Amino acid sequence: GGPSGLSVVEEILTDIEGISFVHLGGKDVVRHQIVQEIVEAY
């Protein structure tokens, strides 16, 4: 129940200097190659 603090924080803090947001994806998975393919498939 209720929202996640992570889901709203970028909207709240996006314009503050000294704060960065980095989004990683399936191409950044560095475990076994099949794990990257599983993440991208999901």
All heavy atoms as atom14 arrays in JSON, in Angstrom:
{
  "sequence": "GGPSGLSVVEEILTDIEGISFVHLGGKDVVRHQIVQEIVEAY",
  "atom14_mask": [
    [1, 1, 1, 1, 0, 0, 0, 0, 0, 0, 0, 0, 0, 0],
    [1, 1, 1, 1, 0, 0, 0, 0, 0, 0, 0, 0, 0, 0],
    [1, 1, 1, 1, 1, 1, 1, 0, 0, 0, 0, 0, 0, 0],
    [1, 1, 1, 1, 1, 1, 0, 0, 0, 0, 0, 0, 0, 0],
    [1, 1, 1, 1, 0, 0, 0, 0, 0, 0, 0, 0, 0, 0],
    [1, 1, 1, 1, 1, 1, 1, 1, 0, 0, 0, 0, 0, 0],
    [1, 1, 1, 1, 1, 1, 0, 0, 0, 0, 0, 0, 0, 0],
    [1, 1, 1, 1, 1, 1, 1, 0, 0, 0, 0, 0, 0, 0],
    [1, 1, 1, 1, 1, 1, 1, 0, 0, 0, 0, 0, 0, 0],
    [1, 1, 1, 1, 1, 1, 1, 1, 1, 0, 0, 0, 0, 0],
    [1, 1, 1, 1, 1, 1, 1, 1, 1, 0, 0, 0, 0, 0],
    [1, 1, 1, 1, 1, 1, 1, 1, 0, 0, 0, 0, 0, 0],
    [1, 1, 1, 1, 1, 1, 1, 1, 0, 0, 0, 0, 0, 0],
    [1, 1, 1, 1, 1, 1, 1, 0, 0, 0, 0, 0, 0, 0],
    [1, 1, 1, 1, 1, 1, 1, 1, 0, 0, 0, 0, 0, 0],
    [1, 1, 1, 1, 1, 1, 1, 1, 0, 0, 0, 0, 0, 0],
    [1, 1, 1, 1, 1, 1, 1, 1, 1, 0, 0, 0, 0, 0],
    [1, 1, 1, 1, 0, 0, 0, 0, 0, 0, 0, 0, 0, 0],
    [1, 1, 1, 1, 1, 1, 1, 1, 0, 0, 0, 0, 0, 0],
    [1, 1, 1, 1, 1, 1, 0, 0, 0, 0, 0, 0, 0, 0],
    [1, 1, 1, 1, 1, 1, 1, 1, 1, 1, 1, 0, 0, 0],
    [1, 1, 1, 1, 1, 1, 1, 0, 0, 0, 0, 0, 0, 0],
    [1, 1, 1, 1, 1, 1, 1, 1, 1, 1, 0, 0, 0, 0],
    [1, 1, 1, 1, 1, 1, 1, 1, 0, 0, 0, 0, 0, 0],
    [1, 1, 1, 1, 0, 0, 0, 0, 0, 0, 0, 0, 0, 0],
    [1, 1, 1, 1, 0, 0, 0, 0, 0, 0, 0, 0, 0, 0],
    [1, 1, 1, 1, 1, 1, 1, 1, 1, 0, 0, 0, 0, 0],
    [1, 1, 1, 1, 1, 1, 1, 1, 0, 0, 0, 0, 0, 0],
    [1, 1, 1, 1, 1, 1, 1, 0, 0, 0, 0, 0, 0, 0],
    [1, 1, 1, 1, 1, 1, 1, 0, 0, 0, 0, 0, 0, 0],
    [1, 1, 1, 1, 1, 1, 1, 1, 1, 1, 1, 0, 0, 0],
    [1, 1, 1, 1, 1, 1, 1, 1, 1, 1, 0, 0, 0, 0],
    [1, 1, 1, 1, 1, 1, 1, 1, 1, 0, 0, 0, 0, 0],
    [1, 1, 1, 1, 1, 1, 1, 1, 0, 0, 0, 0, 0, 0],
    [1, 1, 1, 1, 1, 1, 1, 0, 0, 0, 0, 0, 0, 0],
    [1, 1, 1, 1, 1, 1, 1, 1, 1, 0, 0, 0, 0, 0],
    [1, 1, 1, 1, 1, 1, 1, 1, 1, 0, 0, 0, 0, 0],
    [1, 1, 1, 1, 1, 1, 1, 1, 0, 0, 0, 0, 0, 0],
    [1, 1, 1, 1, 1, 1, 1, 0, 0, 0, 0, 0, 0, 0],
    [1, 1, 1, 1, 1, 1, 1, 1, 1, 0, 0, 0, 0, 0],
    [1, 1, 1, 1, 1, 0, 0, 0, 0, 0, 0, 0, 0, 0],
    [1, 1, 1, 1, 1, 1, 1, 1, 1, 1, 1, 1, 0, 0]
  ],
  "atom14_positions": [
    [[0.81, -1.21, 0.0], [0.0, 0.0, 0.0], [0.85, 1.26, 0.0], [1.92, 1.31, 0.6], [0.0, 0.0, 0.0], [0.0, 0.0, 0.0], [0.0, 0.0, 0.0], [0.0, 0.0, 0.0], [0.0, 0.0, 0.0], [0.0, 0.0, 0.0], [0.0, 0.0, 0.0], [0.0, 0.0, 0.0], [0.0, 0.0, 0.0], [0.0, 0.0, 0.0]],
    [[0.36, 2.3, -0.67], [1.06, 3.57, -0.71], [2.17, 3.58, -1.73], [2.68, 2.54, -2.14], [0.0, 0.0, 0.0], [0.0, 0.0, 0.0], [0.0, 0.0, 0.0], [0.0, 0.0, 0.0], [0.0, 0.0, 0.0], [0.0, 0.0, 0.0], [0.0, 0.0, 0.0], [0.0, 0.0, 0.0], [0.0, 0.0, 0.0], [0.0, 0.0, 0.0]],
    [[2.6, 4.78, -2.16], [3.63, 4.88, -3.2], [5.03, 4.61, -2.65], [5.28, 4.74, -1.45], [3.51, 6.34, -3.66], [3.02, 7.06, -2.44], [2.1, 6.09, -1.74], [0.0, 0.0, 0.0], [0.0, 0.0, 0.0], [0.0, 0.0, 0.0], [0.0, 0.0, 0.0], [0.0, 0.0, 0.0], [0.0, 0.0, 0.0], [0.0, 0.0, 0.0]],
    [[5.91, 4.24, -3.53], [7.32, 4.08, -3.18], [8.0, 5.44, -3.16], [7.73, 6.29, -4.01], [8.01, 3.17, -4.2], [9.42, 3.32, -4.14], [0.0, 0.0, 0.0], [0.0, 0.0, 0.0], [0.0, 0.0, 0.0], [0.0, 0.0, 0.0], [0.0, 0.0, 0.0], [0.0, 0.0, 0.0], [0.0, 0.0, 0.0], [0.0, 0.0, 0.0]],
    [[8.89, 5.64, -2.19], [9.64, 6.89, -2.14], [10.5, 7.1, -3.36], [10.77, 8.23, -3.77], [0.0, 0.0, 0.0], [0.0, 0.0, 0.0], [0.0, 0.0, 0.0], [0.0, 0.0, 0.0], [0.0, 0.0, 0.0], [0.0, 0.0, 0.0], [0.0, 0.0, 0.0], [0.0, 0.0, 0.0], [0.0, 0.0, 0.0], [0.0, 0.0, 0.0]],
    [[10.94, 5.99, -3.97], [11.77, 6.1, -5.17], [10.96, 6.56, -6.38], [11.49, 7.23, -7.26], [12.42, 4.74, -5.46], [13.47, 4.71, -6.58], [14.69, 5.53, -6.19], [13.89, 3.28, -6.88], [0.0, 0.0, 0.0], [0.0, 0.0, 0.0], [0.0, 0.0, 0.0], [0.0, 0.0, 0.0], [0.0, 0.0, 0.0], [0.0, 0.0, 0.0]],
    [[9.68, 6.21, -6.41], [8.87, 6.52, -7.59], [8.55, 8.0, -7.72], [8.25, 8.48, -8.81], [7.57, 5.7, -7.56], [6.75, 6.11, -6.48], [0.0, 0.0, 0.0], [0.0, 0.0, 0.0], [0.0, 0.0, 0.0], [0.0, 0.0, 0.0], [0.0, 0.0, 0.0], [0.0, 0.0, 0.0], [0.0, 0.0, 0.0], [0.0, 0.0, 0.0]],
    [[8.6, 8.74, -6.61], [8.23, 10.16, -6.65], [9.42, 11.09, -6.5], [9.31, 12.29, -6.76], [7.18, 10.48, -5.56], [5.91, 9.7, -5.79], [7.74, 10.22, -4.17], [0.0, 0.0, 0.0], [0.0, 0.0, 0.0], [0.0, 0.0, 0.0], [0.0, 0.0, 0.0], [0.0, 0.0, 0.0], [0.0, 0.0, 0.0], [0.0, 0.0, 0.0]],
    [[10.59, 10.57, -6.1], [11.7, 11.44, -5.74], [12.26, 12.2, -6.94], [12.69, 13.36, -6.81], [12.81, 10.63, -5.02], [13.56, 9.72, -5.99], [13.77, 11.57, -4.29], [0.0, 0.0, 0.0], [0.0, 0.0, 0.0], [0.0, 0.0, 0.0], [0.0, 0.0, 0.0], [0.0, 0.0, 0.0], [0.0, 0.0, 0.0], [0.0, 0.0, 0.0]],
    [[12.28, 11.58, -8.13], [12.85, 12.28, -9.28], [12.02, 13.5, -9.65], [12.56, 14.55, -10.0], [12.97, 11.33, -10.48], [13.7, 11.95, -11.65], [14.13, 10.93, -12.7], [13.81, 9.73, -12.53], [14.78, 11.32, -13.67], [0.0, 0.0, 0.0], [0.0, 0.0, 0.0], [0.0, 0.0, 0.0], [0.0, 0.0, 0.0], [0.0, 0.0, 0.0]],
    [[10.71, 13.38, -9.55], [9.84, 14.52, -9.84], [10.04, 15.65, -8.82], [10.0, 16.83, -9.18], [8.38, 14.06, -9.81], [7.38, 15.15, -10.15], [5.95, 14.64, -10.12], [5.75, 13.41, -10.05], [5.03, 15.49, -10.18], [0.0, 0.0, 0.0], [0.0, 0.0, 0.0], [0.0, 0.0, 0.0], [0.0, 0.0, 0.0], [0.0, 0.0, 0.0]],
    [[10.33, 15.29, -7.59], [10.49, 16.28, -6.53], [11.85, 16.99, -6.61], [11.95, 18.21, -6.43], [10.33, 15.61, -5.15], [8.92, 15.05, -4.98], [10.63, 16.6, -4.02], [8.75, 14.17, -3.75], [0.0, 0.0, 0.0], [0.0, 0.0, 0.0], [0.0, 0.0, 0.0], [0.0, 0.0, 0.0], [0.0, 0.0, 0.0], [0.0, 0.0, 0.0]],
    [[12.91, 16.23, -6.91], [14.27, 16.76, -6.77], [15.0, 17.02, -8.07], [16.17, 17.4, -8.05], [15.12, 15.76, -5.95], [14.6, 15.4, -4.55], [15.56, 14.44, -3.88], [14.41, 16.64, -3.69], [0.0, 0.0, 0.0], [0.0, 0.0, 0.0], [0.0, 0.0, 0.0], [0.0, 0.0, 0.0], [0.0, 0.0, 0.0], [0.0, 0.0, 0.0]],
    [[14.33, 16.86, -9.2], [15.03, 16.85, -10.48], [15.79, 18.13, -10.79], [16.77, 18.12, -11.52], [14.03, 16.53, -11.62], [14.77, 16.32, -12.82], [13.05, 17.68, -11.83], [0.0, 0.0, 0.0], [0.0, 0.0, 0.0], [0.0, 0.0, 0.0], [0.0, 0.0, 0.0], [0.0, 0.0, 0.0], [0.0, 0.0, 0.0], [0.0, 0.0, 0.0]],
    [[15.38, 19.28, -10.26], [16.01, 20.56, -10.61], [17.04, 21.04, -9.59], [17.53, 22.16, -9.69], [14.93, 21.65, -10.78], [14.02, 21.38, -11.97], [14.52, 20.83, -12.98], [12.82, 21.7, -11.89], [0.0, 0.0, 0.0], [0.0, 0.0, 0.0], [0.0, 0.0, 0.0], [0.0, 0.0, 0.0], [0.0, 0.0, 0.0], [0.0, 0.0, 0.0]],
    [[17.38, 20.21, -8.62], [18.33, 20.63, -7.58], [19.75, 20.33, -8.04], [20.09, 19.2, -8.4], [18.03, 19.93, -6.25], [16.63, 20.33, -5.75], [19.09, 20.28, -5.22], [16.25, 19.69, -4.43], [0.0, 0.0, 0.0], [0.0, 0.0, 0.0], [0.0, 0.0, 0.0], [0.0, 0.0, 0.0], [0.0, 0.0, 0.0], [0.0, 0.0, 0.0]],
    [[20.61, 21.35, -7.99], [22.0, 21.18, -8.39], [22.72, 20.27, -7.4], [22.51, 20.36, -6.18], [22.7, 22.55, -8.42], [24.12, 22.5, -8.97], [24.73, 23.88, -9.08], [24.01, 24.88, -8.89], [25.95, 23.96, -9.35], [0.0, 0.0, 0.0], [0.0, 0.0, 0.0], [0.0, 0.0, 0.0], [0.0, 0.0, 0.0], [0.0, 0.0, 0.0]],
    [[23.57, 19.39, -7.91], [24.3, 18.45, -7.06], [23.61, 17.12, -6.9], [24.13, 16.23, -6.21], [0.0, 0.0, 0.0], [0.0, 0.0, 0.0], [0.0, 0.0, 0.0], [0.0, 0.0, 0.0], [0.0, 0.0, 0.0], [0.0, 0.0, 0.0], [0.0, 0.0, 0.0], [0.0, 0.0, 0.0], [0.0, 0.0, 0.0], [0.0, 0.0, 0.0]],
    [[22.42, 16.97, -7.53], [21.7, 15.7, -7.5], [21.62, 15.15, -8.91], [21.24, 15.86, -9.84], [20.29, 15.87, -6.91], [20.37, 16.3, -5.44], [19.5, 14.57, -7.02], [19.03, 16.5, -4.77], [0.0, 0.0, 0.0], [0.0, 0.0, 0.0], [0.0, 0.0, 0.0], [0.0, 0.0, 0.0], [0.0, 0.0, 0.0], [0.0, 0.0, 0.0]],
    [[21.99, 13.89, -9.09], [21.96, 13.24, -10.41], [21.06, 12.02, -10.37], [21.01, 11.31, -9.36], [23.37, 12.82, -10.84], [24.2, 13.94, -11.04], [0.0, 0.0, 0.0], [0.0, 0.0, 0.0], [0.0, 0.0, 0.0], [0.0, 0.0, 0.0], [0.0, 0.0, 0.0], [0.0, 0.0, 0.0], [0.0, 0.0, 0.0], [0.0, 0.0, 0.0]],
    [[20.39, 11.76, -11.49], [19.6, 10.56, -11.67], [20.16, 9.79, -12.86], [20.33, 10.34, -13.95], [18.12, 10.91, -11.92], [17.41, 11.44, -10.71], [17.46, 12.79, -10.4], [16.7, 10.59, -9.87], [16.82, 13.3, -9.28], [16.05, 11.08, -8.75], [16.11, 12.44, -8.45], [0.0, 0.0, 0.0], [0.0, 0.0, 0.0], [0.0, 0.0, 0.0]],
    [[20.45, 8.52, -12.64], [20.97, 7.65, -13.7], [20.05, 6.46, -13.84], [19.75, 5.78, -12.85], [22.41, 7.17, -13.37], [22.91, 6.25, -14.48], [23.35, 8.36, -13.19], [0.0, 0.0, 0.0], [0.0, 0.0, 0.0], [0.0, 0.0, 0.0], [0.0, 0.0, 0.0], [0.0, 0.0, 0.0], [0.0, 0.0, 0.0], [0.0, 0.0, 0.0]],
    [[19.59, 6.21, -15.05], [18.71, 5.07, -15.31], [19.51, 4.0, -16.05], [20.08, 4.25, -17.12], [17.5, 5.51, -16.15], [16.56, 6.41, -15.39], [15.47, 5.95, -14.7], [16.59, 7.76, -15.21], [14.84, 6.96, -14.12], [15.5, 8.07, -14.41], [0.0, 0.0, 0.0], [0.0, 0.0, 0.0], [0.0, 0.0, 0.0], [0.0, 0.0, 0.0]],
    [[19.54, 2.81, -15.47], [20.24, 1.68, -16.06], [19.21, 0.7, -16.61], [18.07, 0.66, -16.15], [21.12, 1.0, -15.01], [22.19, 1.89, -14.38], [22.79, 1.21, -13.16], [23.26, 2.23, -15.38], [0.0, 0.0, 0.0], [0.0, 0.0, 0.0], [0.0, 0.0, 0.0], [0.0, 0.0, 0.0], [0.0, 0.0, 0.0], [0.0, 0.0, 0.0]],
    [[19.62, -0.08, -17.61], [18.69, -1.0, -18.24], [19.3, -2.36, -18.5], [20.38, -2.7, -18.01], [0.0, 0.0, 0.0], [0.0, 0.0, 0.0], [0.0, 0.0, 0.0], [0.0, 0.0, 0.0], [0.0, 0.0, 0.0], [0.0, 0.0, 0.0], [0.0, 0.0, 0.0], [0.0, 0.0, 0.0], [0.0, 0.0, 0.0], [0.0, 0.0, 0.0]],
    [[18.61, -3.15, -19.3], [19.05, -4.51, -19.6], [20.44, -4.56, -20.21], [21.18, -5.52, -19.98], [0.0, 0.0, 0.0], [0.0, 0.0, 0.0], [0.0, 0.0, 0.0], [0.0, 0.0, 0.0], [0.0, 0.0, 0.0], [0.0, 0.0, 0.0], [0.0, 0.0, 0.0], [0.0, 0.0, 0.0], [0.0, 0.0, 0.0], [0.0, 0.0, 0.0]],
    [[20.81, -3.53, -20.98], [22.13, -3.52, -21.61], [23.25, -3.33, -20.59], [24.42, -3.53, -20.9], [22.2, -2.42, -22.67], [21.25, -2.64, -23.85], [21.41, -1.56, -24.89], [20.36, -1.69, -26.0], [20.47, -2.96, -26.7], [0.0, 0.0, 0.0], [0.0, 0.0, 0.0], [0.0, 0.0, 0.0], [0.0, 0.0, 0.0], [0.0, 0.0, 0.0]],
    [[22.89, -2.93, -19.37], [23.88, -2.72, -18.33], [24.0, -3.9, -17.37], [24.78, -3.84, -16.41], [23.54, -1.45, -17.53], [23.53, -0.22, -18.41], [24.56, 0.06, -19.04], [22.48, 0.45, -18.49], [0.0, 0.0, 0.0], [0.0, 0.0, 0.0], [0.0, 0.0, 0.0], [0.0, 0.0, 0.0], [0.0, 0.0, 0.0], [0.0, 0.0, 0.0]],
    [[23.24, -4.96, -17.6], [23.35, -6.17, -16.77], [24.69, -6.83, -17.07], [25.0, -7.12, -18.22], [22.19, -7.13, -17.05], [22.41, -8.46, -16.31], [20.86, -6.51, -16.61], [0.0, 0.0, 0.0], [0.0, 0.0, 0.0], [0.0, 0.0, 0.0], [0.0, 0.0, 0.0], [0.0, 0.0, 0.0], [0.0, 0.0, 0.0], [0.0, 0.0, 0.0]],
    [[25.47, -7.08, -16.03], [26.81, -7.62, -16.24], [26.99, -8.99, -15.59], [28.1, -9.43, -15.36], [27.9, -6.65, -15.71], [27.93, -5.39, -16.55], [27.67, -6.32, -14.25], [0.0, 0.0, 0.0], [0.0, 0.0, 0.0], [0.0, 0.0, 0.0], [0.0, 0.0, 0.0], [0.0, 0.0, 0.0], [0.0, 0.0, 0.0], [0.0, 0.0, 0.0]],
    [[25.9, -9.64, -15.31], [25.99, -11.03, -14.88], [26.1, -11.91, -16.12], [26.42, -11.43, -17.2], [24.76, -11.38, -14.03], [24.73, -10.61, -12.7], [23.5, -10.89, -11.89], [23.51, -10.11, -10.65], [22.5, -10.04, -9.82], [21.38, -10.7, -10.07], [22.57, -9.3, -8.72], [0.0, 0.0, 0.0], [0.0, 0.0, 0.0], [0.0, 0.0, 0.0]],
    [[25.83, -13.17, -16.0], [25.9, -14.08, -17.15], [25.07, -13.51, -18.3], [24.03, -12.88, -18.09], [25.36, -15.44, -16.72], [25.63, -16.54, -17.71], [24.98, -16.64, -18.91], [26.5, -17.58, -17.66], [25.42, -17.7, -19.56], [26.36, -18.28, -18.83], [0.0, 0.0, 0.0], [0.0, 0.0, 0.0], [0.0, 0.0, 0.0], [0.0, 0.0, 0.0]],
    [[25.54, -13.71, -19.53], [24.85, -13.17, -20.7], [23.37, -13.51, -20.71], [22.52, -12.7, -21.11], [25.52, -13.71, -21.99], [24.85, -13.26, -23.28], [24.98, -11.76, -23.52], [25.88, -11.13, -22.97], [24.08, -11.21, -24.31], [0.0, 0.0, 0.0], [0.0, 0.0, 0.0], [0.0, 0.0, 0.0], [0.0, 0.0, 0.0], [0.0, 0.0, 0.0]],
    [[23.03, -14.7, -20.26], [21.62, -15.1, -20.28], [20.78, -14.26, -19.32], [19.59, -14.03, -19.56], [21.46, -16.61, -19.97], [20.07, -17.1, -20.41], [21.7, -16.89, -18.48], [19.92, -18.6, -20.34], [0.0, 0.0, 0.0], [0.0, 0.0, 0.0], [0.0, 0.0, 0.0], [0.0, 0.0, 0.0], [0.0, 0.0, 0.0], [0.0, 0.0, 0.0]],
    [[21.41, -13.73, -18.24], [20.67, -12.87, -17.31], [20.26, -11.59, -18.01], [19.14, -11.1, -17.84], [21.53, -12.58, -16.06], [20.8, -11.61, -15.13], [21.85, -13.86, -15.32], [0.0, 0.0, 0.0], [0.0, 0.0, 0.0], [0.0, 0.0, 0.0], [0.0, 0.0, 0.0], [0.0, 0.0, 0.0], [0.0, 0.0, 0.0], [0.0, 0.0, 0.0]],
    [[21.17, -11.01, -18.8], [20.83, -9.81, -19.56], [19.65, -10.08, -20.49], [18.72, -9.28, -20.59], [22.04, -9.34, -20.37], [21.73, -8.13, -21.26], [22.97, -7.63, -21.99], [24.09, -7.77, -21.51], [22.77, -7.06, -23.15], [0.0, 0.0, 0.0], [0.0, 0.0, 0.0], [0.0, 0.0, 0.0], [0.0, 0.0, 0.0], [0.0, 0.0, 0.0]],
    [[19.67, -11.23, -21.15], [18.59, -11.57, -22.08], [17.27, -11.78, -21.33], [16.2, -11.41, -21.82], [18.98, -12.8, -22.89], [20.17, -12.55, -23.8], [20.66, -13.82, -24.48], [19.99, -14.86, -24.36], [21.73, -13.76, -25.13], [0.0, 0.0, 0.0], [0.0, 0.0, 0.0], [0.0, 0.0, 0.0], [0.0, 0.0, 0.0], [0.0, 0.0, 0.0]],
    [[17.35, -12.36, -20.13], [16.14, -12.57, -19.32], [15.54, -11.23, -18.91], [14.33, -11.0, -19.02], [16.46, -13.43, -18.09], [16.75, -14.88, -18.5], [15.32, -13.39, -17.08], [17.3, -15.75, -17.39], [0.0, 0.0, 0.0], [0.0, 0.0, 0.0], [0.0, 0.0, 0.0], [0.0, 0.0, 0.0], [0.0, 0.0, 0.0], [0.0, 0.0, 0.0]],
    [[16.4, -10.31, -18.42], [15.92, -8.99, -18.0], [15.25, -8.27, -19.16], [14.17, -7.68, -19.02], [17.09, -8.15, -17.43], [16.66, -6.69, -17.23], [17.56, -8.73, -16.11], [0.0, 0.0, 0.0], [0.0, 0.0, 0.0], [0.0, 0.0, 0.0], [0.0, 0.0, 0.0], [0.0, 0.0, 0.0], [0.0, 0.0, 0.0], [0.0, 0.0, 0.0]],
    [[15.88, -8.3, -20.34], [15.31, -7.61, -21.49], [14.01, -8.27, -21.94], [13.06, -7.59, -22.34], [16.32, -7.58, -22.64], [17.53, -6.69, -22.33], [18.54, -6.66, -23.46], [18.51, -7.58, -24.31], [19.35, -5.73, -23.5], [0.0, 0.0, 0.0], [0.0, 0.0, 0.0], [0.0, 0.0, 0.0], [0.0, 0.0, 0.0], [0.0, 0.0, 0.0]],
    [[13.94, -9.61, -21.84], [12.71, -10.32, -22.24], [11.55, -9.95, -21.32], [10.43, -9.71, -21.78], [12.96, -11.83, -22.22], [0.0, 0.0, 0.0], [0.0, 0.0, 0.0], [0.0, 0.0, 0.0], [0.0, 0.0, 0.0], [0.0, 0.0, 0.0], [0.0, 0.0, 0.0], [0.0, 0.0, 0.0], [0.0, 0.0, 0.0], [0.0, 0.0, 0.0]],
    [[11.83, -9.89, -20.0], [10.77, -9.5, -19.06], [10.36, -8.04, -19.28], [9.19, -7.68, -19.13], [11.23, -9.69, -17.62], [10.88, -11.06, -17.06], [11.82, -12.07, -16.99], [9.59, -11.33, -16.62], [11.5, -13.32, -16.49], [9.26, -12.57, -16.11], [10.21, -13.56, -16.05], [9.89, -14.8, -15.55], [0.0, 0.0, 0.0], [0.0, 0.0, 0.0]]
  ]
}
